[in-house]
Amino acid sequence: MNQPNWFQAIIDLLQAIIGGIAVALVIYWLDERRAERDRKLSDFRIASNWEVSSPKVSMRNFQLSDTNLSGCDLSTANLENANFRKAGLHGIKFSKANLRRTNFQATSLRGTKVNDVIAYHINFSDAQIGRETDIQEKLPVDFSGSNLFEGSFRKAKIHQALFIKTNLVGTDFTSAIVKKCDFTDADLTDSKWRRVKQVENCIWKDVKGVAEDNFPPELWKEIQRQNARPLKKRKTK
C-alpha cells in the first residue's frame, strides 16, 4: 500500500473511533436520563403513598423536584437531603419530619405544616410561602417549634406564616419579602435581616437573641416597640 493510502487508512480509523465514542456517549447519556427519570418516578410513587405504606421507608436523598405532593402526609418521615425544588406542596404535612439539608428552592407552599421539624441548613430560597389573601389566614404555613438552624429564605416571599417558638439561629432572610408573619418567642440569634427586602405587619413579641446590627433600623425599632420592656441589645463580638 502506498503512502497516500496509509494516510487515508489512518484518517478513516480515527473517524471510526471518534464516531464510536460519540455514539457511546450519546447512549450513555440517554441511559442516564432514563435511569434518572425512572428513579424520580419511583421516588414520587413512594412519597405519594408513604402515609399508607408499611413499613415506613426512609426517603433520604429522594428526588422529588417539579412534582405535586399537595395534600400528602409525610409527618415523621426521614427526608434528609431530599430535593423538592419547584414542587407543589399545598396542604402537605411535614410535622416532626427530618428535613436536614432538604432543598425547597422555588417551591409553592400553602397551608403546609412544617412544625416541630429538625431542619438544619434547610433551603427555602425563592420559595412562595403563603399568599396575600383572606383565606390564607385560615391556612397558614406553620413552622412553629421547628429547628431551622442556619436555614435560608433568601429571596423568598413569605406571607402570614407562623414561626412561633422557632429556632432561626443563623437563618438568612436576605432579599426576602416577609408580611403578616408571627415570630412570637422565636430565637433570632445571628439571623440575617440586614438586607431583607420588605417586612410588614409582623408580630415580634418576646423574640430572643436579637442584635441591632442584624436588622434594618426601622425593623429594629418595631421589634423594640412591640415588647413591653425594650429588649436588651445582645453583645456582639
Protein backbone atom coordinates (compact mmCIF):
# COMPACT_ATOMS: atom_id res chain seq x y z
CA MET A 1 0.00 0.00 0.00
CA ASN A 2 1.45 3.35 -0.99
CA GLN A 3 1.96 6.35 1.29
CA PRO A 4 -1.33 8.19 0.48
CA ASN A 5 -3.37 5.01 1.14
CA TRP A 6 -1.77 4.56 4.57
CA PHE A 7 -2.57 8.15 5.41
CA GLN A 8 -6.19 7.72 4.32
CA ALA A 9 -6.49 4.48 6.30
CA ILE A 10 -5.32 6.23 9.46
CA ILE A 11 -7.84 9.04 8.90
CA ASP A 12 -10.64 6.51 8.37
CA LEU A 13 -9.65 4.65 11.53
CA LEU A 14 -9.63 7.83 13.60
CA GLN A 15 -13.01 8.84 12.23
CA ALA A 16 -14.41 5.42 13.09
CA ILE A 17 -13.01 5.63 16.65
CA ILE A 18 -14.34 9.15 17.17
CA GLY A 19 -17.72 8.16 15.75
CA GLY A 20 -17.86 5.13 18.05
CA ILE A 21 -17.01 7.23 21.09
CA ALA A 22 -19.68 9.78 20.15
CA VAL A 23 -22.32 7.07 19.78
CA ALA A 24 -21.28 5.51 23.10
CA LEU A 25 -21.53 8.88 24.87
CA VAL A 26 -25.00 9.52 23.44
CA ILE A 27 -26.17 6.06 24.51
CA TYR A 28 -24.69 6.59 27.99
CA TRP A 29 -26.40 9.99 28.28
CA LEU A 30 -29.75 8.54 27.22
CA ASP A 31 -29.39 5.68 29.69
CA GLU A 32 -28.56 8.12 32.48
CA ARG A 33 -31.59 10.27 31.63
CA ARG A 34 -33.81 7.18 31.57
CA ALA A 35 -32.44 5.96 34.89
CA GLU A 36 -32.92 9.42 36.43
CA ARG A 37 -36.49 9.59 35.15
CA ASP A 38 -37.26 6.08 36.42
CA ARG A 39 -35.78 6.85 39.83
CA LYS A 40 -37.71 10.10 40.10
CA LEU A 41 -40.96 8.32 39.22
CA SER A 42 -40.22 5.63 41.79
CA ASP A 43 -39.44 8.25 44.46
CA PHE A 44 -42.67 10.08 43.68
CA ARG A 45 -44.76 6.91 43.96
CA ILE A 46 -43.21 6.05 47.32
CA ALA A 47 -43.66 9.60 48.65
CA SER A 48 -47.25 9.96 47.48
CA ASN A 49 -48.20 6.65 49.16
CA TRP A 50 -45.93 6.96 52.19
CA GLU A 51 -48.79 7.77 54.58
CA VAL A 52 -50.47 4.40 54.00
CA SER A 53 -47.35 2.30 53.39
CA SER A 54 -45.90 -0.20 55.84
CA PRO A 55 -43.15 -0.43 56.85
CA LYS A 56 -42.20 3.23 56.59
CA VAL A 57 -39.13 3.54 54.39
CA SER A 58 -36.53 6.29 54.58
CA MET A 59 -36.84 8.92 51.84
CA ARG A 60 -33.39 10.31 52.38
CA ASN A 61 -31.89 11.79 49.17
CA PHE A 62 -35.17 11.36 47.27
CA GLN A 63 -35.50 13.34 44.03
CA LEU A 64 -38.94 14.99 44.10
CA SER A 65 -38.34 18.19 42.13
CA ASP A 66 -41.17 19.51 39.91
CA THR A 67 -43.67 17.10 41.48
CA ASN A 68 -47.04 17.82 43.07
CA LEU A 69 -47.42 16.24 46.50
CA SER A 70 -50.17 18.55 47.71
CA GLY A 71 -52.30 17.02 50.47
CA CYS A 72 -49.85 14.25 51.35
CA ASP A 73 -48.96 13.45 54.96
CA LEU A 74 -45.20 12.98 55.39
CA SER A 75 -45.19 13.54 59.15
CA THR A 76 -42.19 11.94 60.92
CA ALA A 77 -40.63 10.97 57.56
CA ASN A 78 -36.86 10.93 57.06
CA LEU A 79 -36.37 13.37 54.16
CA GLU A 80 -32.82 14.39 54.89
CA ASN A 81 -31.13 15.89 51.83
CA ALA A 82 -34.23 15.31 49.68
CA ASN A 83 -34.85 17.60 46.71
CA PHE A 84 -38.28 19.26 46.39
CA ARG A 85 -37.17 22.07 44.06
CA LYS A 86 -40.17 23.70 42.31
CA ALA A 87 -42.57 21.18 43.86
CA GLY A 88 -46.20 21.94 44.70
CA LEU A 89 -46.66 21.39 48.44
CA HIS A 90 -50.07 22.84 49.30
CA GLY A 91 -51.61 21.34 52.44
CA ILE A 92 -48.81 18.81 52.90
CA LYS A 93 -47.77 17.76 56.42
CA PHE A 94 -44.10 17.52 57.38
CA SER A 95 -44.72 17.62 61.15
CA LYS A 96 -41.84 16.14 63.18
CA ALA A 97 -40.01 15.10 60.00
CA ASN A 98 -36.25 15.04 59.49
CA LEU A 99 -35.61 17.84 56.97
CA ARG A 100 -31.90 18.36 57.46
CA ARG A 101 -30.35 19.94 54.34
CA THR A 102 -33.60 19.44 52.40
CA ASN A 103 -33.99 21.58 49.28
CA PHE A 104 -37.25 23.53 48.95
CA GLN A 105 -35.96 26.10 46.45
CA ALA A 106 -38.71 27.80 44.41
CA THR A 107 -41.43 25.62 45.96
CA SER A 108 -45.03 26.74 46.50
CA LEU A 109 -46.48 26.23 49.99
CA ARG A 110 -49.98 26.99 51.30
CA GLY A 111 -51.43 25.56 54.49
CA THR A 112 -48.28 23.45 54.80
CA LYS A 113 -47.33 22.04 58.21
CA VAL A 114 -43.60 22.27 58.82
CA ASN A 115 -43.93 22.36 62.61
CA ASP A 116 -41.68 20.60 65.13
CA VAL A 117 -39.20 19.50 62.47
CA ILE A 118 -35.42 19.20 62.65
CA ALA A 119 -34.24 21.13 59.62
CA TYR A 120 -30.65 22.32 59.92
CA HIS A 121 -29.49 24.09 56.73
CA ILE A 122 -32.89 23.80 55.07
CA ASN A 123 -33.21 25.81 51.85
CA PHE A 124 -36.36 27.81 51.04
CA SER A 125 -34.66 30.28 48.69
CA ASP A 126 -37.04 31.80 46.12
CA ALA A 127 -39.98 29.90 47.65
CA GLN A 128 -43.56 31.21 47.65
CA ILE A 129 -44.71 30.63 51.23
CA GLY A 130 -48.36 31.56 51.69
CA ARG A 131 -50.35 34.18 49.82
CA GLU A 132 -51.73 37.65 50.49
CA THR A 133 -55.37 36.58 50.76
CA ASP A 134 -58.02 36.37 53.48
CA ILE A 135 -58.22 32.61 53.00
CA GLN A 136 -54.51 32.35 53.80
CA GLU A 137 -55.20 33.45 57.39
CA LYS A 138 -57.09 30.19 57.92
CA LEU A 139 -54.39 28.12 56.19
CA PRO A 140 -51.03 29.50 57.34
CA VAL A 141 -47.76 27.79 56.62
CA ASP A 142 -46.70 26.67 60.10
CA PHE A 143 -43.03 26.45 61.14
CA SER A 144 -43.83 26.62 64.87
CA GLY A 145 -41.48 24.77 67.20
CA SER A 146 -39.10 23.81 64.41
CA ASN A 147 -35.32 23.96 64.40
CA LEU A 148 -34.31 25.82 61.23
CA PHE A 149 -30.71 26.41 62.28
CA GLU A 150 -28.79 28.24 59.54
CA GLY A 151 -31.61 27.82 57.06
CA SER A 152 -32.10 30.03 54.02
CA PHE A 153 -35.14 32.08 53.00
CA ARG A 154 -33.17 34.25 50.55
CA LYS A 155 -35.49 35.95 48.03
CA ALA A 156 -38.47 34.04 49.42
CA LYS A 157 -41.96 35.57 49.56
CA ILE A 158 -43.41 34.76 52.98
CA HIS A 159 -46.99 35.73 53.84
CA GLN A 160 -48.88 35.03 57.08
CA ALA A 161 -46.59 32.20 58.17
CA LEU A 162 -46.15 31.10 61.78
CA PHE A 163 -42.66 30.99 63.31
CA ILE A 164 -43.80 30.69 66.94
CA LYS A 165 -41.02 29.33 69.17
CA THR A 166 -38.98 28.54 66.06
CA ASN A 167 -35.20 28.26 66.18
CA LEU A 168 -33.99 30.67 63.50
CA VAL A 169 -30.40 30.89 64.70
CA GLY A 170 -28.23 31.97 61.77
CA THR A 171 -31.13 31.80 59.31
CA ASP A 172 -30.80 34.06 56.26
CA PHE A 173 -33.68 36.33 55.14
CA THR A 174 -31.64 38.39 52.68
CA SER A 175 -33.80 39.90 49.90
CA ALA A 176 -36.92 38.18 51.28
CA ILE A 177 -40.41 39.71 51.48
CA VAL A 178 -41.98 38.98 54.87
CA LYS A 179 -45.56 40.07 55.59
CA LYS A 180 -48.01 39.38 58.43
CA CYS A 181 -45.87 36.63 59.96
CA ASP A 182 -45.83 35.68 63.64
CA PHE A 183 -42.36 35.34 65.22
CA THR A 184 -43.55 35.19 68.83
CA ASP A 185 -40.88 33.68 71.12
CA ALA A 186 -38.63 32.80 68.16
CA ASP A 187 -34.84 32.64 68.58
CA LEU A 188 -33.32 35.11 66.12
CA THR A 189 -29.72 34.86 67.30
CA ASP A 190 -27.34 35.73 64.44
CA SER A 191 -30.20 35.61 61.92
CA LYS A 192 -29.60 37.75 58.84
CA TRP A 193 -32.17 40.51 58.32
CA ARG A 194 -29.96 43.45 57.47
CA ARG A 195 -30.65 43.17 53.73
CA VAL A 196 -34.24 41.89 53.88
CA LYS A 197 -36.24 43.40 51.01
CA GLN A 198 -39.52 44.13 52.82
CA VAL A 199 -41.08 43.43 56.22
CA GLU A 200 -44.66 44.44 57.07
CA ASN A 201 -47.14 43.86 59.91
CA CYS A 202 -45.27 41.05 61.64
CA ILE A 203 -45.51 40.04 65.31
CA TRP A 204 -42.21 40.13 67.23
CA LYS A 205 -43.35 39.53 70.82
CA ASP A 206 -40.74 38.01 73.15
CA VAL A 207 -38.23 37.22 70.41
CA LYS A 208 -34.82 36.09 71.64
CA GLY A 209 -31.22 36.72 70.66
CA VAL A 210 -31.84 39.93 68.73
CA ALA A 211 -28.93 42.23 67.96
CA GLU A 212 -29.37 45.69 66.48
CA ASP A 213 -26.62 45.10 63.93
CA ASN A 214 -28.62 42.26 62.35
CA PHE A 215 -31.70 44.34 61.49
CA PRO A 216 -32.54 47.41 59.41
CA PRO A 217 -33.13 50.45 61.68
CA GLU A 218 -36.91 50.62 61.17
CA LEU A 219 -37.37 46.90 61.81
CA TRP A 220 -35.25 47.12 64.96
CA LYS A 221 -37.46 49.96 66.22
CA GLU A 222 -40.59 47.92 65.53
CA ILE A 223 -39.21 44.93 67.44
CA GLN A 224 -38.44 47.19 70.38
CA ARG A 225 -41.86 48.82 70.20
CA GLN A 226 -43.75 45.54 70.37
CA ASN A 227 -42.11 44.45 73.59
CA ALA A 228 -43.31 45.99 76.83
CA ARG A 229 -39.78 46.29 78.11
CA PRO A 230 -37.22 47.15 75.45
CA LEU A 231 -35.13 44.12 74.62
CA LYS A 232 -31.55 44.40 75.69
CA LYS A 233 -29.10 44.56 72.87
CA ARG A 234 -27.21 41.31 72.61
CA LYS A 235 -23.49 41.91 72.89
CA THR A 236 -21.79 41.38 69.57
CA LYS A 237 -18.29 40.16 69.21
